């Protein structure tokens, strides 16, 4: 049976003896939820600032709030990093090396023996692997040795990054490695239907679509700040354009610069604000001398930035999802993006934002010119942006992931 039955007598025992026909009440209850012991393997974690670290930490903490026991396995970030130990939460810190071009991130080193020892001592119900580096590969091997069910996340388009760093010849071997890695797991979670279809075309199997969640209370239109806008020295009618993310080639920031320059050349009253840091900062500062650079921001600061801007420019083509799209929309700030990743899933062109044809640079610039020619179109779009993403709270996403975990365990 799918539910428990509890029998309650409506009279005492003596009454029952005198009246055998006394009715009884049968109450049906759903079975108690099974709380899981989940081992999570990742090679990035806060305070590191990137989309994977941020969204994964939100998901895992919400799973913890649902009474699951979490063991987090990750590289030690520095010599002072001792991890966290508390009821329902433990951390196993392993060796790592800085990633080339991303020195603030660590590449976890293979640790198969250490993981087998740890999981033999405290056997998890399931191993969830969020990244695909050497540590994660050894975790996959360790889990298979112990016959533990494994799920994974596809969170980074490493194969798409190759063209931006002059190693396009690595694309095929990277895809082959990622396919081999993920096809060894019970399920791989991907953030969009488009990504699922793309990966299936490359031979990836057992894919489940799970969108990234957002903190809809933090990212809210009420965070708009006139004080912040005044600090930018803009007039009330000035249209503030925002770029959020790592200042690096893979974010297609050359197009952001071209778009801003085209708007200025057309006489538009616009101001460009860049939030983030990275190797391209010097280049962007030289090409956009009147732009503002606010550097790395906390989530609270980002919420105020989104809500205080008028339009987010997000031309990246390498995202598996693009968290900034939903964060901006939750703050009622429309987005101009290409028709891919999260933008393609959640933006309806000219209703709650704008979509240019994928990698059509002139189309993107023309969209920006059209938007900024009439401020009323931004006002109209603001009315629909937040309602498009309000349902993506983290508790709902955690519930979806929980069901996938349970399916993986049941099929193991």
Protein backbone atom coordinates (compact mmCIF):
# COMPACT_ATOMS: atom_id res chain seq x y z
CA UNK A 1 0.00 0.00 0.00
CA UNK A 2 1.11 3.60 -0.60
CA UNK A 3 -0.15 4.87 2.74
CA UNK A 4 -0.31 3.79 6.35
CA UNK A 5 -3.63 2.85 7.92
CA UNK A 6 -4.35 3.80 11.52
CA UNK A 7 -7.46 2.26 13.04
CA UNK A 8 -9.24 4.29 15.72
CA UNK A 9 -12.23 2.96 17.71
CA UNK A 10 -14.92 5.54 18.25
CA UNK A 11 -16.04 3.91 21.56
CA UNK A 12 -14.30 2.24 24.47
CA UNK A 13 -13.85 -1.54 24.76
CA UNK A 14 -16.99 -2.10 26.85
CA UNK A 15 -19.13 -0.28 24.30
CA UNK A 16 -17.65 -2.44 21.59
CA UNK A 17 -18.64 -5.63 23.39
CA UNK A 18 -22.22 -4.37 23.76
CA UNK A 19 -22.44 -3.10 20.20
CA UNK A 20 -20.36 -5.12 17.74
CA UNK A 21 -21.54 -2.96 14.88
CA UNK A 22 -19.89 0.13 16.29
CA UNK A 23 -18.28 1.98 13.38
CA UNK A 24 -14.54 2.41 13.22
CA UNK A 25 -12.65 5.27 11.62
CA UNK A 26 -9.79 4.52 9.25
CA UNK A 27 -7.41 7.44 8.71
CA UNK A 28 -4.98 7.35 5.79
CA UNK A 29 -1.61 9.08 6.00
CA UNK A 30 1.06 9.53 3.35
CA UNK A 31 4.18 7.54 4.22
CA UNK A 32 6.84 9.45 6.10
CA UNK A 33 9.44 10.97 3.76
CA UNK A 34 12.73 9.12 3.71
CA UNK A 35 15.56 11.39 4.73
CA UNK A 36 18.66 10.72 2.65
CA UNK A 37 22.38 10.71 3.35
CA UNK A 38 23.74 12.61 0.35
CA UNK A 39 27.44 12.95 -0.53
CA UNK A 40 27.98 16.02 -2.74
CA UNK A 41 31.23 16.34 -4.70
CA UNK A 42 32.23 19.73 -6.11
CA UNK A 43 35.42 21.54 -7.04
CA UNK A 44 34.01 25.00 -6.36
CA UNK A 45 32.22 26.38 -3.30
CA UNK A 46 31.63 29.78 -1.66
CA UNK A 47 33.29 32.12 -0.88
CA UNK A 48 34.43 31.47 -4.46
CA UNK A 49 32.22 33.66 -6.66
CA UNK A 50 30.83 31.94 -9.75
CA UNK A 51 27.49 30.63 -10.91
CA UNK A 52 28.24 26.99 -10.06
CA UNK A 53 29.37 27.72 -6.49
CA UNK A 54 26.46 30.05 -5.78
CA UNK A 55 23.63 27.95 -7.20
CA UNK A 56 24.98 24.64 -5.88
CA UNK A 57 25.34 26.02 -2.34
CA UNK A 58 21.76 27.32 -2.42
CA UNK A 59 20.45 23.94 -3.60
CA UNK A 60 22.43 21.93 -1.05
CA UNK A 61 21.42 24.13 1.86
CA UNK A 62 17.77 23.82 0.88
CA UNK A 63 18.16 20.03 0.75
CA UNK A 64 19.61 20.25 4.25
CA UNK A 65 16.58 22.24 5.37
CA UNK A 66 14.46 19.35 4.11
CA UNK A 67 16.19 17.19 6.76
CA UNK A 68 18.60 15.35 4.47
CA UNK A 69 22.09 14.70 5.85
CA UNK A 70 24.78 16.29 3.69
CA UNK A 71 28.44 15.34 3.32
CA UNK A 72 30.24 17.94 1.19
CA UNK A 73 33.45 16.83 -0.54
CA UNK A 74 35.57 19.63 -2.03
CA UNK A 75 39.16 20.87 -2.39
CA UNK A 76 40.63 22.80 0.53
CA UNK A 77 40.53 26.45 -0.56
CA UNK A 78 43.49 27.68 1.54
CA UNK A 79 45.53 26.70 4.59
CA UNK A 80 42.97 28.30 6.92
CA UNK A 81 40.04 26.35 5.45
CA UNK A 82 38.86 23.79 8.01
CA UNK A 83 35.36 23.14 6.71
CA UNK A 84 32.16 22.96 8.74
CA UNK A 85 30.95 20.21 11.07
CA UNK A 86 27.47 20.32 12.56
CA UNK A 87 24.39 18.15 12.96
CA UNK A 88 23.28 16.98 9.52
CA UNK A 89 26.30 18.53 7.77
CA UNK A 90 29.93 17.51 7.41
CA UNK A 91 32.76 18.42 5.04
CA UNK A 92 35.62 16.32 3.72
CA UNK A 93 38.38 18.60 2.41
CA UNK A 94 40.88 17.19 -0.07
CA UNK A 95 43.91 18.43 -2.01
CA UNK A 96 43.58 20.83 -4.92
CA UNK A 97 45.64 23.00 -7.29
CA UNK A 98 44.87 26.47 -8.73
CA UNK A 99 43.21 26.38 -12.17
CA UNK A 100 45.15 28.16 -14.96
CA UNK A 101 43.62 31.59 -15.69
CA UNK A 102 41.31 31.08 -12.70
CA UNK A 103 43.79 31.17 -9.76
CA UNK A 104 41.02 31.80 -7.23
CA UNK A 105 39.54 28.37 -8.08
CA UNK A 106 40.93 24.94 -7.20
CA UNK A 107 41.15 21.82 -9.32
CA UNK A 108 40.54 18.89 -6.99
CA UNK A 109 43.14 16.14 -7.23
CA UNK A 110 42.19 12.44 -7.56
CA UNK A 111 41.24 10.99 -4.16
CA UNK A 112 39.67 7.59 -4.86
CA UNK A 113 41.23 5.78 -1.89
CA UNK A 114 40.28 8.54 0.57
CA UNK A 115 36.71 8.55 -0.67
CA UNK A 116 36.34 4.76 -0.52
CA UNK A 117 37.62 4.83 3.06
CA UNK A 118 35.23 7.65 4.02
CA UNK A 119 32.20 6.07 2.37
CA UNK A 120 32.91 2.64 3.85
CA UNK A 121 32.91 4.28 7.28
CA UNK A 122 29.73 6.30 6.64
CA UNK A 123 27.94 4.95 3.61
CA UNK A 124 25.81 7.56 1.80
CA UNK A 125 22.52 6.70 0.10
CA UNK A 126 23.63 8.57 -3.01
CA UNK A 127 26.60 10.48 -4.43
CA UNK A 128 25.85 13.67 -6.37
CA UNK A 129 28.71 15.05 -8.49
CA UNK A 130 28.44 18.71 -9.51
CA UNK A 131 31.69 19.22 -11.45
CA UNK A 132 33.79 17.11 -13.81
CA UNK A 133 37.41 17.53 -12.71
CA UNK A 134 39.92 14.91 -11.46
CA UNK A 135 38.40 14.83 -7.97
CA UNK A 136 34.95 14.23 -9.43
CA UNK A 137 36.19 11.47 -11.73
CA UNK A 138 37.79 9.68 -8.78
CA UNK A 139 34.53 10.13 -6.83
CA UNK A 140 32.63 8.48 -9.67
CA UNK A 141 35.08 5.54 -9.62
CA UNK A 142 34.87 5.24 -5.82
CA UNK A 143 31.07 5.27 -5.87
CA UNK A 144 30.98 2.59 -8.56
CA UNK A 145 33.45 0.43 -6.58
CA UNK A 146 31.06 0.62 -3.60
CA UNK A 147 27.98 0.25 -5.82
CA UNK A 148 26.53 3.57 -4.73
CA UNK A 149 23.98 5.32 -6.97
CA UNK A 150 25.38 8.45 -8.61
CA UNK A 151 23.77 11.53 -10.16
CA UNK A 152 25.53 14.47 -11.79
CA UNK A 153 25.10 18.07 -12.93
CA UNK A 154 26.05 19.56 -16.29
CA UNK A 155 26.83 23.12 -15.22
CA UNK A 156 29.67 24.44 -17.42
CA UNK A 157 30.15 24.49 -21.20
CA UNK A 158 33.86 23.71 -21.06
CA UNK A 159 33.80 22.59 -24.70
CA UNK A 160 32.40 26.01 -25.73
CA UNK A 161 35.15 27.85 -23.83
CA UNK A 162 37.87 26.32 -26.03
CA UNK A 163 37.33 28.73 -28.94
CA UNK A 164 37.81 31.73 -26.63
CA UNK A 165 41.23 30.57 -25.41
CA UNK A 166 42.82 29.42 -28.67
CA UNK A 167 42.44 25.69 -28.03
CA UNK A 168 39.53 24.87 -30.32
CA UNK A 169 41.23 21.57 -31.19
CA UNK A 170 40.38 20.38 -27.64
CA UNK A 171 36.63 20.58 -28.20
CA UNK A 172 36.14 16.98 -29.43
CA UNK A 173 38.23 15.29 -26.71
CA UNK A 174 36.52 17.39 -24.01
CA UNK A 175 33.07 16.43 -25.30
CA UNK A 176 34.15 12.76 -25.37
CA UNK A 177 35.36 12.97 -21.76
CA UNK A 178 32.20 14.73 -20.55
CA UNK A 179 29.98 12.20 -22.35
CA UNK A 180 31.87 9.27 -20.82
CA UNK A 181 31.70 10.90 -17.39
CA UNK A 182 27.99 11.71 -17.33
CA UNK A 183 26.80 8.55 -19.05
CA UNK A 184 28.22 6.56 -16.14
CA UNK A 185 25.72 8.20 -13.76
CA UNK A 186 22.07 7.29 -13.23
CA UNK A 187 20.85 10.77 -14.18
CA UNK A 188 22.46 14.03 -15.28
CA UNK A 189 20.64 17.26 -14.47
CA UNK A 190 20.71 19.99 -17.11
CA UNK A 191 19.19 23.47 -16.71
CA UNK A 192 17.24 23.92 -19.95
CA UNK A 193 15.35 21.92 -22.56
CA UNK A 194 17.64 23.40 -25.22
CA UNK A 195 20.72 22.06 -23.39
CA UNK A 196 19.08 18.64 -23.04
CA UNK A 197 18.44 18.46 -26.78
CA UNK A 198 21.95 19.66 -27.61
CA UNK A 199 23.60 17.08 -25.34
CA UNK A 200 21.34 14.26 -26.53
CA UNK A 201 22.53 15.07 -30.04
CA UNK A 202 26.10 14.49 -28.78
CA UNK A 203 25.23 11.09 -27.29
CA UNK A 204 24.54 12.05 -23.65
CA UNK A 205 21.92 9.88 -21.93
CA UNK A 206 19.53 9.93 -18.95
CA UNK A 207 19.17 13.73 -18.86
CA UNK A 208 16.72 15.50 -16.55
CA UNK A 209 15.81 19.19 -16.91
CA UNK A 210 16.00 21.11 -13.63
CA UNK A 211 16.14 24.91 -13.80
CA UNK A 212 18.38 26.87 -11.48
CA UNK A 213 16.57 28.48 -8.59
CA UNK A 214 16.71 32.11 -7.47
CA UNK A 215 16.22 33.85 -4.15
CA UNK A 216 13.04 35.73 -5.05
CA UNK A 217 12.99 37.55 -1.71
CA UNK A 218 16.50 38.92 -2.10
CA UNK A 219 16.23 39.69 -5.82
CA UNK A 220 13.22 41.98 -5.73
CA UNK A 221 12.14 45.27 -7.35
CA UNK A 222 11.94 46.91 -3.93
CA UNK A 223 15.76 46.92 -3.85
CA UNK A 224 15.81 49.81 -6.37
CA UNK A 225 17.90 52.65 -4.90
CA UNK A 226 17.73 56.30 -5.90
CA UNK A 227 20.81 56.84 -3.75
CA UNK A 228 22.78 54.35 -5.85
CA UNK A 229 21.66 55.99 -9.09
CA UNK A 230 22.68 59.39 -7.74
CA UNK A 231 26.12 57.97 -6.93
CA UNK A 232 26.43 57.10 -10.63
CA UNK A 233 25.80 60.78 -11.48
CA UNK A 234 23.00 59.99 -13.90
CA UNK A 235 19.85 61.98 -14.56
CA UNK A 236 16.47 60.37 -13.76
CA UNK A 237 15.81 59.89 -17.49
CA UNK A 238 19.24 58.36 -18.20
CA UNK A 239 18.99 54.70 -19.18
CA UNK A 240 21.43 52.65 -17.08
CA UNK A 241 22.79 49.57 -18.83
CA UNK A 242 24.22 46.82 -16.63
CA UNK A 243 26.68 43.98 -17.27
CA UNK A 244 27.14 41.37 -14.54
CA UNK A 245 29.73 38.60 -14.58
CA UNK A 246 33.37 37.73 -15.00
CA UNK A 247 35.17 40.20 -17.26
CA UNK A 248 36.55 37.55 -19.60
CA UNK A 249 36.47 36.65 -23.28
CA UNK A 250 34.01 33.76 -22.92
CA UNK A 251 31.31 36.23 -21.78
CA UNK A 252 31.28 37.86 -25.24
CA UNK A 253 31.96 41.27 -23.69
CA UNK A 254 33.35 42.61 -26.95
CA UNK A 255 29.73 42.76 -28.12
CA UNK A 256 28.68 44.55 -24.92
CA UNK A 257 31.31 47.18 -25.67
CA UNK A 258 30.23 47.49 -29.32
CA UNK A 259 26.59 47.84 -28.28
CA UNK A 260 27.38 50.59 -25.79
CA UNK A 261 29.51 52.43 -28.34
CA UNK A 262 26.73 52.18 -30.95
CA UNK A 263 24.20 53.64 -28.51
CA UNK A 264 26.52 56.52 -27.64
CA UNK A 265 27.18 57.18 -31.33
CA UNK A 266 23.41 57.30 -31.91
CA UNK A 267 23.07 59.98 -29.25
CA UNK A 268 21.28 57.82 -26.68
CA UNK A 269 21.33 59.05 -23.06
CA UNK A 270 22.82 55.88 -21.55
CA UNK A 271 25.30 54.93 -18.83
CA UNK A 272 27.18 51.62 -18.71
CA UNK A 273 27.88 49.85 -15.40
CA UNK A 274 30.08 46.74 -15.17
CA UNK A 275 29.82 44.49 -12.08
CA UNK A 276 32.54 41.85 -11.80
CA UNK A 277 36.25 41.52 -12.43
CA UNK A 278 38.58 39.55 -14.65
CA UNK A 279 41.37 39.64 -17.24
CA UNK A 280 39.48 41.89 -19.69
CA UNK A 281 38.95 44.76 -17.25
CA UNK A 282 41.86 46.82 -18.57
CA UNK A 283 40.71 46.41 -22.18
CA UNK A 284 37.14 47.41 -21.33
CA UNK A 285 38.26 50.44 -19.30
CA UNK A 286 40.33 51.63 -22.27
CA UNK A 287 37.46 51.20 -24.74
CA UNK A 288 34.72 52.50 -22.41
CA UNK A 289 36.41 55.29 -20.42
CA UNK A 290 33.10 56.76 -19.21
CA UNK A 291 31.72 53.43 -17.93
CA UNK A 292 31.49 52.61 -14.24
CA UNK A 293 33.25 49.57 -12.76
CA UNK A 294 31.97 48.44 -9.37
CA UNK A 295 34.07 45.26 -9.08
CA UNK A 296 33.00 42.11 -7.27
CA UNK A 297 29.69 42.40 -5.42
CA UNK A 298 27.87 40.53 -2.68
CA UNK A 299 24.45 39.14 -3.51
CA UNK A 300 22.81 41.95 -1.55
CA UNK A 301 24.77 44.52 -3.57
CA UNK A 302 23.89 42.73 -6.79
CA UNK A 303 20.19 42.82 -5.97
CA UNK A 304 20.39 46.60 -5.56
CA UNK A 305 22.39 46.91 -8.80
CA UNK A 306 19.89 44.90 -10.82
CA UNK A 307 16.89 46.76 -9.44
CA UNK A 308 18.52 50.18 -9.93
CA UNK A 309 19.49 49.57 -13.56
CA UNK A 310 17.13 49.80 -16.53
CA UNK A 311 18.40 47.06 -18.85
CA UNK A 312 20.78 44.11 -18.45
CA UNK A 313 23.04 43.43 -21.43
CA UNK A 314 23.89 39.73 -21.47
CA UNK A 315 25.34 38.58 -24.82
CA UNK A 316 27.15 35.46 -23.52
CA UNK A 317 26.93 32.37 -25.72
CA UNK A 318 28.79 29.92 -23.46
CA UNK A 319 26.29 29.62 -20.60
CA UNK A 320 24.58 26.39 -19.65
CA UNK A 321 22.02 28.59 -17.93
CA UNK A 322 22.99 32.18 -17.07
CA UNK A 323 21.82 32.89 -13.51
CA UNK A 324 22.10 36.63 -14.00
CA UNK A 325 19.20 36.52 -16.46
CA UNK A 326 16.75 35.30 -13.82
CA UNK A 327 18.21 37.45 -11.05
CA UNK A 328 17.72 40.58 -13.15
CA UNK A 329 14.20 39.56 -14.15
CA UNK A 330 13.30 38.88 -10.52
CA UNK A 331 14.30 42.50 -9.84
CA UNK A 332 11.95 43.60 -12.67
CA UNK A 333 14.86 44.69 -14.85
CA UNK A 334 14.45 43.41 -18.43
CA UNK A 335 17.26 41.59 -20.24
CA UNK A 336 18.63 41.79 -23.77
CA UNK A 337 20.22 38.43 -24.58
CA UNK A 338 20.63 35.89 -27.33
CA UNK A 339 17.96 33.24 -27.84
CA UNK A 340 19.73 30.51 -25.87
CA UNK A 341 20.22 29.14 -22.31
CA UNK A 342 17.92 30.60 -19.63
CA UNK A 343 17.07 33.63 -21.75
CA UNK A 344 15.64 31.39 -24.48
CA UNK A 345 13.51 29.55 -21.91
CA UNK A 346 12.14 32.45 -19.88
CA UNK A 347 12.17 35.56 -22.09
CA UNK A 348 9.36 36.23 -24.55
CA UNK A 349 10.69 38.66 -27.14
CA UNK A 350 9.29 42.19 -26.75
CA UNK A 351 7.08 41.12 -23.81
CA UNK A 352 9.30 40.62 -20.75
CA UNK A 353 12.65 41.22 -22.46
CA UNK A 354 14.38 40.97 -25.81
CA UNK A 355 16.07 38.14 -27.72
CA UNK A 356 18.45 38.46 -30.64
CA UNK A 357 19.05 35.58 -33.02
CA UNK A 358 21.85 33.40 -31.68
CA UNK A 359 25.26 34.93 -32.43
CA UNK A 360 23.80 37.59 -34.77
CA UNK A 361 25.81 40.53 -33.49
CA UNK A 362 24.14 43.15 -35.67
CA UNK A 363 20.70 41.93 -34.59
CA UNK A 364 21.76 42.33 -30.94
CA UNK A 365 22.98 45.89 -31.47
CA UNK A 366 19.85 46.80 -33.44
CA UNK A 367 17.66 45.48 -30.60
CA UNK A 368 19.50 47.77 -28.19
CA UNK A 369 18.98 50.73 -30.51
CA UNK A 370 15.26 49.95 -30.78
CA UNK A 371 14.82 49.55 -27.01
CA UNK A 372 16.57 52.79 -26.15
CA UNK A 373 14.66 54.80 -28.75
CA UNK A 374 11.50 54.69 -26.61
CA UNK A 375 11.63 54.45 -22.82
CA UNK A 376 8.00 53.27 -22.61
CA UNK A 377 8.93 49.84 -23.99
CA UNK A 378 11.16 49.26 -20.94
CA UNK A 379 8.36 50.36 -18.61
CA UNK A 380 5.96 47.94 -20.28
CA UNK A 381 8.46 45.05 -20.13
CA UNK A 382 9.06 45.66 -16.40
CA UNK A 383 5.43 44.73 -15.73
CA UNK A 384 6.03 41.14 -16.87
CA UNK A 385 9.64 40.31 -15.98
CA UNK A 386 9.26 39.29 -12.33
CA UNK A 387 6.08 37.25 -12.78
CA UNK A 388 7.94 35.13 -15.37
CA UNK A 389 10.41 33.78 -12.78
CA UNK A 390 8.65 34.00 -9.41
CA UNK A 391 7.94 30.25 -9.45
CA UNK A 392 11.67 29.39 -9.45
CA UNK A 393 12.20 29.60 -5.69
CA UNK A 394 14.85 27.27 -4.30
CA UNK A 395 12.47 25.12 -2.26
CA UNK A 396 10.62 24.03 -5.41
CA UNK A 397 13.91 23.29 -7.19
CA UNK A 398 15.13 21.27 -4.18
CA UNK A 399 11.91 19.24 -4.31
CA UNK A 400 12.52 18.39 -7.99
CA UNK A 401 16.11 17.34 -7.28
CA UNK A 402 14.97 15.25 -4.31
CA UNK A 403 12.63 13.27 -6.58
CA UNK A 404 15.49 12.61 -9.03
CA UNK A 405 17.69 11.38 -6.16
CA UNK A 406 14.96 9.03 -4.99
CA UNK A 407 14.50 7.68 -8.53
CA UNK A 408 18.25 7.04 -8.82
CA UNK A 409 18.26 5.14 -5.52
CA UNK A 410 15.18 3.13 -6.47
CA UNK A 411 16.73 2.08 -9.79
CA UNK A 412 20.14 1.15 -8.36
